[in-house]
């Protein structure tokens, strides 16, 4: 089973290099950079939510969820698993972005994106959570497209983000607020 997942991961990385196009490269680099440090989520969602009376509780929940997601994914899991990135075996000239120096599993970009999306799905109307979902998908895909994560890294990040976003939202809505 584990070997089949490794083979699938390798096939996806290989396939990504085949679909590169200059316009798509620029779009994927934009989404990846916007997801770095969860910047897009802080700028487009957390800060406006915290300023707004209507969505202030959502801003507080999203802040807590993103912090907890970072601690679990980046500080605990990523360091414990220590998976080497697919970009480690790719020539620098073939990369569209600088090679990340940290470990690969789980994808922090995917985790934070789906964590933020999950909070919006619980707390916001469709006109807010639908764009959040589209942005989260684009960021997660960009990590595979740019060959800095395996498919299983991204899926692991998505799962982690959904679980963290769900648990933190339920905790705040049922216990804190």
N, C-alpha and C. Protein backbone atom coordinates (compact mmCIF):
# COMPACT_ATOMS: atom_id res chain seq x y z
N UNK A 1 0.82 -1.19 0.00
CA UNK A 1 0.00 0.00 0.00
C UNK A 1 0.86 1.26 0.00
N UNK A 2 1.86 1.29 0.90
CA UNK A 2 2.75 2.44 0.99
C UNK A 2 3.51 2.66 -0.32
N UNK A 3 3.93 1.59 -0.93
CA UNK A 3 4.65 1.70 -2.20
C UNK A 3 3.74 2.25 -3.30
N UNK A 4 2.47 1.86 -3.29
CA UNK A 4 1.52 2.37 -4.29
C UNK A 4 1.34 3.88 -4.12
N UNK A 5 1.29 4.36 -2.87
CA UNK A 5 1.18 5.79 -2.63
C UNK A 5 2.43 6.53 -3.10
N UNK A 6 3.61 5.94 -2.84
CA UNK A 6 4.86 6.55 -3.30
C UNK A 6 4.90 6.61 -4.83
N UNK A 7 4.44 5.55 -5.48
CA UNK A 7 4.40 5.53 -6.94
C UNK A 7 3.43 6.59 -7.48
N UNK A 8 2.28 6.72 -6.84
CA UNK A 8 1.32 7.73 -7.24
C UNK A 8 1.91 9.13 -7.06
N UNK A 9 2.55 9.36 -5.93
CA UNK A 9 3.19 10.65 -5.68
C UNK A 9 4.20 10.99 -6.79
N UNK A 10 5.00 10.02 -7.15
CA UNK A 10 6.01 10.24 -8.20
C UNK A 10 5.36 10.53 -9.54
N UNK A 11 4.30 9.79 -9.88
CA UNK A 11 3.61 10.03 -11.15
C UNK A 11 3.01 11.43 -11.20
N UNK A 12 2.45 11.88 -10.09
CA UNK A 12 1.86 13.23 -10.06
C UNK A 12 2.95 14.28 -10.24
N UNK A 13 4.09 14.13 -9.57
CA UNK A 13 5.19 15.08 -9.72
C UNK A 13 5.66 15.11 -11.17
N UNK A 14 5.80 13.94 -11.77
CA UNK A 14 6.23 13.87 -13.17
C UNK A 14 5.21 14.52 -14.09
N UNK A 15 3.94 14.29 -13.84
CA UNK A 15 2.87 14.86 -14.67
C UNK A 15 2.84 16.38 -14.57
N UNK A 16 3.10 16.90 -13.39
CA UNK A 16 3.08 18.35 -13.21
C UNK A 16 4.10 19.03 -14.11
N UNK A 17 5.27 18.44 -14.27
CA UNK A 17 6.28 19.07 -15.13
C UNK A 17 5.84 19.08 -16.59
N UNK A 18 4.97 18.16 -16.96
CA UNK A 18 4.49 18.09 -18.34
C UNK A 18 3.43 19.15 -18.66
N UNK A 19 2.74 19.67 -17.66
CA UNK A 19 1.65 20.61 -17.93
C UNK A 19 2.06 22.07 -17.74
N UNK A 20 3.32 22.31 -17.42
CA UNK A 20 3.78 23.69 -17.21
C UNK A 20 3.60 24.51 -18.49
N UNK A 21 3.06 25.71 -18.31
CA UNK A 21 2.89 26.69 -19.38
C UNK A 21 3.24 28.05 -18.77
N UNK A 22 3.81 28.96 -19.54
CA UNK A 22 4.23 30.26 -18.97
C UNK A 22 3.12 31.00 -18.21
N UNK A 23 1.92 31.07 -18.76
CA UNK A 23 0.84 31.79 -18.08
C UNK A 23 0.44 31.06 -16.81
N UNK A 24 0.33 29.75 -16.88
CA UNK A 24 -0.03 28.95 -15.71
C UNK A 24 1.07 29.03 -14.65
N UNK A 25 2.32 29.08 -15.10
CA UNK A 25 3.44 29.23 -14.15
C UNK A 25 3.26 30.48 -13.30
N UNK A 26 2.94 31.60 -13.94
CA UNK A 26 2.79 32.87 -13.22
C UNK A 26 1.60 32.81 -12.25
N UNK A 27 0.50 32.20 -12.69
CA UNK A 27 -0.68 32.08 -11.83
C UNK A 27 -0.38 31.22 -10.61
N UNK A 28 0.29 30.10 -10.83
CA UNK A 28 0.60 29.20 -9.72
C UNK A 28 1.61 29.82 -8.75
N UNK A 29 2.59 30.55 -9.28
CA UNK A 29 3.54 31.23 -8.41
C UNK A 29 2.80 32.28 -7.56
N UNK A 30 1.86 33.00 -8.17
CA UNK A 30 1.07 33.98 -7.42
C UNK A 30 0.31 33.31 -6.27
N UNK A 31 -0.38 32.20 -6.56
CA UNK A 31 -1.14 31.53 -5.50
C UNK A 31 -0.23 30.97 -4.42
N UNK A 32 0.90 30.40 -4.81
CA UNK A 32 1.82 29.88 -3.81
C UNK A 32 2.33 30.98 -2.90
N UNK A 33 2.78 32.10 -3.49
CA UNK A 33 3.28 33.19 -2.65
C UNK A 33 2.19 33.79 -1.78
N UNK A 34 0.97 33.86 -2.30
CA UNK A 34 -0.12 34.41 -1.49
C UNK A 34 -0.47 33.49 -0.32
N UNK A 35 -0.18 32.20 -0.47
CA UNK A 35 -0.43 31.25 0.61
C UNK A 35 0.69 31.14 1.61
N UNK A 36 1.86 31.69 1.28
CA UNK A 36 3.01 31.62 2.18
C UNK A 36 2.71 32.40 3.46
N UNK A 37 2.88 31.73 4.59
CA UNK A 37 2.58 32.36 5.87
C UNK A 37 1.11 32.67 6.05
N UNK A 38 0.27 32.04 5.23
CA UNK A 38 -1.18 32.27 5.26
C UNK A 38 -1.52 33.74 5.02
N UNK A 39 -0.65 34.45 4.30
CA UNK A 39 -0.82 35.90 4.09
C UNK A 39 -2.18 36.23 3.51
N UNK A 40 -2.60 35.51 2.49
CA UNK A 40 -3.87 35.83 1.86
C UNK A 40 -5.04 35.69 2.84
N UNK A 41 -4.95 34.73 3.75
CA UNK A 41 -6.03 34.52 4.72
C UNK A 41 -6.06 35.64 5.75
N UNK A 42 -4.90 36.12 6.17
CA UNK A 42 -4.83 37.23 7.11
C UNK A 42 -5.33 38.52 6.46
N UNK A 43 -4.90 38.77 5.22
CA UNK A 43 -5.23 40.04 4.55
C UNK A 43 -6.68 40.08 4.08
N UNK A 44 -7.16 39.02 3.44
CA UNK A 44 -8.51 39.04 2.87
C UNK A 44 -9.60 38.63 3.84
N UNK A 45 -9.25 37.89 4.89
CA UNK A 45 -10.28 37.37 5.78
C UNK A 45 -10.10 37.80 7.23
N UNK A 46 -9.01 37.41 7.87
CA UNK A 46 -8.88 37.65 9.32
C UNK A 46 -8.98 39.14 9.67
N UNK A 47 -8.16 39.96 9.07
CA UNK A 47 -8.16 41.39 9.42
C UNK A 47 -9.51 42.04 9.13
N UNK A 48 -10.08 41.86 7.92
CA UNK A 48 -11.42 42.44 7.69
C UNK A 48 -12.48 41.89 8.65
N UNK A 49 -12.40 40.60 8.97
CA UNK A 49 -13.36 40.02 9.91
C UNK A 49 -13.22 40.65 11.30
N UNK A 50 -11.99 40.82 11.76
CA UNK A 50 -11.77 41.40 13.08
C UNK A 50 -12.25 42.86 13.16
N UNK A 51 -12.18 43.56 12.05
CA UNK A 51 -12.64 44.95 12.00
C UNK A 51 -14.16 45.02 11.96
N UNK A 52 -14.78 44.05 11.32
CA UNK A 52 -16.23 44.03 11.13
C UNK A 52 -16.95 43.54 12.39
N UNK A 53 -18.01 44.24 12.79
CA UNK A 53 -18.80 43.77 13.94
C UNK A 53 -19.49 42.45 13.61
N UNK A 54 -20.01 42.35 12.39
CA UNK A 54 -20.77 41.17 11.98
C UNK A 54 -19.92 39.90 12.00
N UNK A 55 -18.64 40.01 11.60
CA UNK A 55 -17.79 38.83 11.45
C UNK A 55 -16.64 38.77 12.46
N UNK A 56 -16.71 39.59 13.52
CA UNK A 56 -15.62 39.63 14.49
C UNK A 56 -15.38 38.26 15.14
N UNK A 57 -16.44 37.57 15.53
CA UNK A 57 -16.27 36.23 16.12
C UNK A 57 -15.59 35.29 15.14
N UNK A 58 -15.97 35.39 13.86
CA UNK A 58 -15.34 34.55 12.84
C UNK A 58 -13.85 34.88 12.73
N UNK A 59 -13.50 36.16 12.82
CA UNK A 59 -12.10 36.56 12.78
C UNK A 59 -11.31 35.99 13.95
N UNK A 60 -11.93 35.97 15.12
CA UNK A 60 -11.28 35.40 16.31
C UNK A 60 -11.11 33.90 16.13
N UNK A 61 -12.14 33.24 15.67
CA UNK A 61 -12.06 31.79 15.44
C UNK A 61 -10.99 31.47 14.41
N UNK A 62 -10.97 32.22 13.30
CA UNK A 62 -9.99 31.94 12.25
C UNK A 62 -8.57 32.19 12.75
N UNK A 63 -8.38 33.23 13.55
CA UNK A 63 -7.05 33.49 14.12
C UNK A 63 -6.60 32.30 14.96
N UNK A 64 -7.45 31.86 15.86
CA UNK A 64 -7.11 30.71 16.71
C UNK A 64 -6.87 29.46 15.88
N UNK A 65 -7.71 29.22 14.89
CA UNK A 65 -7.58 28.02 14.06
C UNK A 65 -6.27 28.04 13.28
N UNK A 66 -5.92 29.18 12.70
CA UNK A 66 -4.67 29.26 11.93
C UNK A 66 -3.44 29.09 12.82
N UNK A 67 -3.49 29.63 14.02
CA UNK A 67 -2.36 29.48 14.95
C UNK A 67 -2.22 28.03 15.37
N UNK A 68 -3.31 27.40 15.75
CA UNK A 68 -3.27 25.99 16.16
C UNK A 68 -2.84 25.11 14.99
N UNK A 69 -3.36 25.39 13.81
CA UNK A 69 -2.99 24.64 12.62
C UNK A 69 -1.49 24.74 12.34
N UNK A 70 -0.94 25.92 12.50
CA UNK A 70 0.50 26.13 12.30
C UNK A 70 1.30 25.32 13.32
N UNK A 71 0.91 25.41 14.57
CA UNK A 71 1.64 24.69 15.62
C UNK A 71 1.62 23.18 15.39
N UNK A 72 0.46 22.64 15.06
CA UNK A 72 0.34 21.20 14.85
C UNK A 72 1.07 20.76 13.57
N UNK A 73 0.81 21.47 12.47
CA UNK A 73 1.37 21.05 11.19
C UNK A 73 2.85 21.32 11.03
N UNK A 74 3.25 22.55 11.31
CA UNK A 74 4.64 22.96 11.05
C UNK A 74 5.60 22.61 12.18
N UNK A 75 5.15 22.77 13.39
CA UNK A 75 6.05 22.57 14.54
C UNK A 75 6.09 21.11 14.97
N UNK A 76 4.95 20.43 14.95
CA UNK A 76 4.93 19.05 15.44
C UNK A 76 5.05 18.05 14.30
N UNK A 77 4.06 17.99 13.41
CA UNK A 77 4.02 16.91 12.41
C UNK A 77 5.18 17.00 11.42
N UNK A 78 5.39 18.18 10.83
CA UNK A 78 6.41 18.31 9.79
C UNK A 78 7.79 17.93 10.31
N UNK A 79 8.11 18.35 11.52
CA UNK A 79 9.42 18.02 12.11
C UNK A 79 9.51 16.54 12.48
N UNK A 80 8.40 15.97 12.91
CA UNK A 80 8.38 14.56 13.31
C UNK A 80 8.52 13.64 12.09
N UNK A 81 7.78 13.96 11.02
CA UNK A 81 7.80 13.10 9.82
C UNK A 81 9.10 13.28 9.05
N UNK A 82 9.50 14.53 8.83
CA UNK A 82 10.78 14.80 8.17
C UNK A 82 10.87 14.35 6.72
N UNK A 83 9.80 14.38 6.00
CA UNK A 83 9.79 13.92 4.60
C UNK A 83 10.52 14.91 3.69
N UNK A 84 11.36 14.36 2.82
CA UNK A 84 12.10 15.16 1.85
C UNK A 84 11.15 15.59 0.74
N UNK A 85 11.28 16.83 0.30
CA UNK A 85 10.42 17.37 -0.76
C UNK A 85 10.80 16.81 -2.14
N UNK A 86 9.82 16.76 -3.04
CA UNK A 86 10.13 16.31 -4.41
C UNK A 86 11.11 17.26 -5.10
N UNK A 87 11.11 18.52 -4.71
CA UNK A 87 12.00 19.50 -5.33
C UNK A 87 13.47 19.23 -5.02
N UNK A 88 13.75 18.41 -4.01
CA UNK A 88 15.13 18.10 -3.66
C UNK A 88 15.86 17.42 -4.81
N UNK A 89 15.12 16.70 -5.66
CA UNK A 89 15.75 15.99 -6.78
C UNK A 89 15.53 16.68 -8.12
N UNK A 90 15.08 17.93 -8.09
CA UNK A 90 14.84 18.69 -9.31
C UNK A 90 15.91 19.77 -9.42
N UNK A 91 16.46 19.94 -10.61
CA UNK A 91 17.49 20.95 -10.83
C UNK A 91 16.93 22.35 -10.54
N UNK A 92 17.76 23.20 -9.97
CA UNK A 92 17.34 24.56 -9.65
C UNK A 92 16.79 25.29 -10.88
N UNK A 93 17.38 25.05 -12.03
CA UNK A 93 16.94 25.71 -13.27
C UNK A 93 15.53 25.32 -13.67
N UNK A 94 15.07 24.15 -13.24
CA UNK A 94 13.73 23.67 -13.58
C UNK A 94 12.65 24.15 -12.59
N UNK A 95 13.07 24.82 -11.55
CA UNK A 95 12.13 25.29 -10.54
C UNK A 95 11.60 26.68 -10.90
N UNK A 96 10.35 26.92 -10.59
CA UNK A 96 9.71 28.22 -10.84
C UNK A 96 9.81 29.13 -9.61
N UNK A 97 10.09 28.53 -8.45
CA UNK A 97 10.28 29.26 -7.20
C UNK A 97 11.52 28.70 -6.52
N UNK A 98 11.99 29.38 -5.50
CA UNK A 98 13.12 28.87 -4.73
C UNK A 98 12.68 27.60 -4.00
N UNK A 99 13.61 26.66 -3.90
CA UNK A 99 13.30 25.42 -3.20
C UNK A 99 13.11 25.69 -1.70
N UNK A 100 11.99 25.24 -1.15
CA UNK A 100 11.80 25.39 0.30
C UNK A 100 12.84 24.57 1.05
N UNK A 101 13.23 25.05 2.20
CA UNK A 101 14.27 24.38 2.99
C UNK A 101 13.72 23.41 4.02
N UNK A 102 12.45 23.54 4.37
CA UNK A 102 11.88 22.69 5.41
C UNK A 102 11.36 21.37 4.82
N UNK A 103 10.73 20.57 5.64
CA UNK A 103 10.24 19.27 5.22
C UNK A 103 8.92 19.39 4.46
N UNK A 104 8.48 18.27 3.93
CA UNK A 104 7.38 18.26 2.97
C UNK A 104 6.00 17.92 3.54
N UNK A 105 5.92 17.00 4.49
CA UNK A 105 4.61 16.53 4.96
C UNK A 105 4.29 17.08 6.33
N UNK A 106 3.10 17.66 6.47
CA UNK A 106 2.06 17.96 5.49
C UNK A 106 2.31 19.31 4.83
N UNK A 107 1.61 19.59 3.76
CA UNK A 107 1.72 20.89 3.10
C UNK A 107 1.11 21.96 4.01
N UNK A 108 1.94 22.87 4.48
CA UNK A 108 1.45 23.95 5.33
C UNK A 108 0.54 24.91 4.59
N UNK A 109 0.85 25.17 3.31
CA UNK A 109 -0.01 26.03 2.50
C UNK A 109 -1.42 25.42 2.40
N UNK A 110 -1.48 24.12 2.12
CA UNK A 110 -2.78 23.45 2.00
C UNK A 110 -3.50 23.40 3.34
N UNK A 111 -2.76 23.13 4.40
CA UNK A 111 -3.37 23.05 5.73
C UNK A 111 -3.97 24.39 6.14
N UNK A 112 -3.21 25.46 6.02
CA UNK A 112 -3.74 26.76 6.43
C UNK A 112 -4.89 27.19 5.53
N UNK A 113 -4.79 26.89 4.25
CA UNK A 113 -5.86 27.28 3.32
C UNK A 113 -7.17 26.56 3.63
N UNK A 114 -7.10 25.27 3.86
CA UNK A 114 -8.33 24.54 4.15
C UNK A 114 -8.82 24.76 5.58
N UNK A 115 -7.91 25.14 6.46
CA UNK A 115 -8.32 25.53 7.81
C UNK A 115 -9.15 26.82 7.72
N UNK A 116 -8.64 27.80 7.00
CA UNK A 116 -9.37 29.07 6.84
C UNK A 116 -10.69 28.85 6.11
N UNK A 117 -10.65 28.05 5.04
CA UNK A 117 -11.89 27.76 4.32
C UNK A 117 -12.92 27.10 5.24
N UNK A 118 -12.50 26.14 6.04
CA UNK A 118 -13.42 25.42 6.92
C UNK A 118 -14.10 26.36 7.91
N UNK A 119 -13.33 27.28 8.47
CA UNK A 119 -13.92 28.26 9.38
C UNK A 119 -14.98 29.08 8.64
N UNK A 120 -14.66 29.53 7.43
CA UNK A 120 -15.65 30.32 6.68
C UNK A 120 -16.87 29.47 6.32
N UNK A 121 -16.67 28.20 6.04
CA UNK A 121 -17.80 27.33 5.69
C UNK A 121 -18.77 27.19 6.87
N UNK A 122 -18.22 27.14 8.08
CA UNK A 122 -19.06 27.05 9.27
C UNK A 122 -19.72 28.39 9.63
N UNK A 123 -19.01 29.48 9.42
CA UNK A 123 -19.41 30.77 10.00
C UNK A 123 -19.94 31.81 9.03
N UNK A 124 -19.79 31.60 7.75
CA UNK A 124 -20.08 32.66 6.79
C UNK A 124 -21.08 32.22 5.73
N UNK A 125 -21.71 33.19 5.09
CA UNK A 125 -22.60 32.87 3.97
C UNK A 125 -21.80 32.40 2.76
N UNK A 126 -22.49 31.81 1.80
CA UNK A 126 -21.86 31.22 0.62
C UNK A 126 -21.02 32.22 -0.16
N UNK A 127 -21.41 33.49 -0.19
CA UNK A 127 -20.65 34.47 -0.96
C UNK A 127 -19.27 34.73 -0.36
N UNK A 128 -19.04 34.26 0.85
CA UNK A 128 -17.71 34.35 1.46
C UNK A 128 -16.99 33.01 1.38
N UNK A 129 -17.67 31.92 1.74
CA UNK A 129 -16.94 30.65 1.80
C UNK A 129 -16.64 30.07 0.41
N UNK A 130 -17.44 30.37 -0.59
CA UNK A 130 -17.17 29.84 -1.94
C UNK A 130 -15.86 30.41 -2.51
N UNK A 131 -15.64 31.73 -2.47
CA UNK A 131 -14.33 32.23 -2.92
C UNK A 131 -13.17 31.68 -2.07
N UNK A 132 -13.42 31.50 -0.76
CA UNK A 132 -12.38 30.92 0.10
C UNK A 132 -12.03 29.51 -0.36
N UNK A 133 -13.03 28.74 -0.75
CA UNK A 133 -12.78 27.38 -1.24
C UNK A 133 -11.98 27.41 -2.55
N UNK A 134 -12.33 28.30 -3.44
CA UNK A 134 -11.63 28.39 -4.73
C UNK A 134 -10.16 28.78 -4.51
N UNK A 135 -9.94 29.75 -3.63
CA UNK A 135 -8.56 30.16 -3.31
C UNK A 135 -7.80 29.00 -2.67
N UNK A 136 -8.43 28.29 -1.74
CA UNK A 136 -7.77 27.16 -1.06
C UNK A 136 -7.38 26.07 -2.05
N UNK A 137 -8.27 25.75 -2.97
CA UNK A 137 -7.97 24.74 -3.99
C UNK A 137 -6.81 25.20 -4.87
N UNK A 138 -6.84 26.46 -5.29
CA UNK A 138 -5.77 26.98 -6.14
C UNK A 138 -4.41 26.94 -5.43
N UNK A 139 -4.39 27.31 -4.16
CA UNK A 139 -3.14 27.29 -3.41
C UNK A 139 -2.63 25.86 -3.25
N UNK A 140 -3.52 24.94 -2.89
CA UNK A 140 -3.11 23.54 -2.72
C UNK A 140 -2.58 22.97 -4.04
N UNK A 141 -3.28 23.23 -5.13
CA UNK A 141 -2.83 22.73 -6.43
C UNK A 141 -1.48 23.34 -6.81
N UNK A 142 -1.29 24.62 -6.49
CA UNK A 142 -0.04 25.29 -6.86
C UNK A 142 1.17 24.60 -6.24
N UNK A 143 0.99 24.03 -5.07
CA UNK A 143 2.11 23.37 -4.39
C UNK A 143 2.55 22.10 -5.14
N UNK A 144 1.59 21.39 -5.73
CA UNK A 144 1.94 20.23 -6.55
C UNK A 144 2.46 20.68 -7.91
N UNK A 145 1.80 21.67 -8.49
CA UNK A 145 2.20 22.19 -9.81
C UNK A 145 3.66 22.65 -9.79
N UNK A 146 4.05 23.33 -8.73
CA UNK A 146 5.42 23.84 -8.61
C UNK A 146 6.39 22.78 -8.11
N UNK A 147 5.89 21.59 -7.86
CA UNK A 147 6.68 20.41 -7.48
C UNK A 147 7.47 20.59 -6.18
N UNK A 148 6.84 21.28 -5.24
CA UNK A 148 7.43 21.41 -3.90
C UNK A 148 6.72 20.51 -2.89
N UNK A 149 5.63 19.86 -3.34
CA UNK A 149 4.92 18.91 -2.50
C UNK A 149 4.41 17.74 -3.33
N UNK A 150 4.35 16.60 -2.68
CA UNK A 150 3.71 15.43 -3.26
C UNK A 150 2.20 15.53 -3.07
N UNK A 151 1.46 14.76 -3.83
CA UNK A 151 0.00 14.70 -3.68
C UNK A 151 -0.38 14.35 -2.25
N UNK A 152 0.30 13.38 -1.65
CA UNK A 152 -0.06 12.97 -0.29
C UNK A 152 0.26 14.06 0.73
N UNK A 153 1.25 14.91 0.46
CA UNK A 153 1.52 16.06 1.34
C UNK A 153 0.34 17.01 1.32
N UNK A 154 -0.16 17.28 0.11
CA UNK A 154 -1.28 18.21 -0.06
C UNK A 154 -2.55 17.63 0.56
N UNK A 155 -2.81 16.35 0.30
CA UNK A 155 -4.00 15.72 0.89
C UNK A 155 -3.91 15.69 2.42
N UNK A 156 -2.72 15.42 2.94
CA UNK A 156 -2.52 15.45 4.39
C UNK A 156 -2.75 16.85 4.95
N UNK A 157 -2.28 17.86 4.24
CA UNK A 157 -2.50 19.25 4.65
C UNK A 157 -3.98 19.62 4.61
N UNK A 158 -4.66 19.20 3.55
CA UNK A 158 -6.10 19.47 3.44
C UNK A 158 -6.84 18.84 4.62
N UNK A 159 -6.56 17.58 4.90
CA UNK A 159 -7.21 16.89 6.01
C UNK A 159 -6.91 17.58 7.34
N UNK A 160 -5.65 17.91 7.57
CA UNK A 160 -5.27 18.60 8.80
C UNK A 160 -6.01 19.93 8.93
N UNK A 161 -6.07 20.69 7.85
CA UNK A 161 -6.75 21.98 7.87
C UNK A 161 -8.23 21.86 8.17
N UNK A 162 -8.88 20.88 7.54
CA UNK A 162 -10.31 20.67 7.77
C UNK A 162 -10.57 20.25 9.23
N UNK A 163 -9.76 19.34 9.73
CA UNK A 163 -9.93 18.89 11.12
C UNK A 163 -9.69 20.04 12.10
N UNK A 164 -8.58 20.76 11.92
CA UNK A 164 -8.29 21.88 12.83
C UNK A 164 -9.37 22.95 12.75
N UNK A 165 -9.74 23.33 11.53
CA UNK A 165 -10.78 24.35 11.36
C UNK A 165 -12.10 23.94 11.99
N UNK A 166 -12.45 22.67 11.83
CA UNK A 166 -13.71 22.16 12.40
C UNK A 166 -13.66 22.15 13.92
N UNK A 167 -12.61 21.58 14.49
CA UNK A 167 -12.52 21.46 15.95
C UNK A 167 -12.45 22.83 16.63
N UNK A 168 -11.67 23.74 16.08
CA UNK A 168 -11.55 25.06 16.69
C UNK A 168 -12.87 25.81 16.58
N UNK A 169 -13.52 25.72 15.42
CA UNK A 169 -14.82 26.40 15.25
C UNK A 169 -15.84 25.85 16.23
N UNK A 170 -15.93 24.53 16.34
CA UNK A 170 -16.90 23.93 17.26
C UNK A 170 -16.59 24.29 18.71
N UNK A 171 -15.32 24.30 19.05
CA UNK A 171 -14.92 24.68 20.41
C UNK A 171 -15.37 26.11 20.71
N UNK A 172 -15.04 27.04 19.82
CA UNK A 172 -15.41 28.45 20.07
C UNK A 172 -16.91 28.66 20.06
N UNK A 173 -17.60 28.05 19.11
CA UNK A 173 -19.04 28.29 19.00
C UNK A 173 -19.82 27.64 20.15
N UNK A 174 -19.34 26.52 20.65
CA UNK A 174 -20.08 25.80 21.70
C UNK A 174 -19.60 26.08 23.12
N UNK A 175 -18.39 26.55 23.27
CA UNK A 175 -17.85 26.75 24.62
C UNK A 175 -17.50 28.21 24.90
N UNK A 176 -16.85 28.87 23.96
CA UNK A 176 -16.35 30.23 24.22
C UNK A 176 -17.43 31.28 24.00
N UNK A 177 -18.12 31.24 22.87
CA UNK A 177 -19.11 32.29 22.55
C UNK A 177 -20.50 31.88 22.96
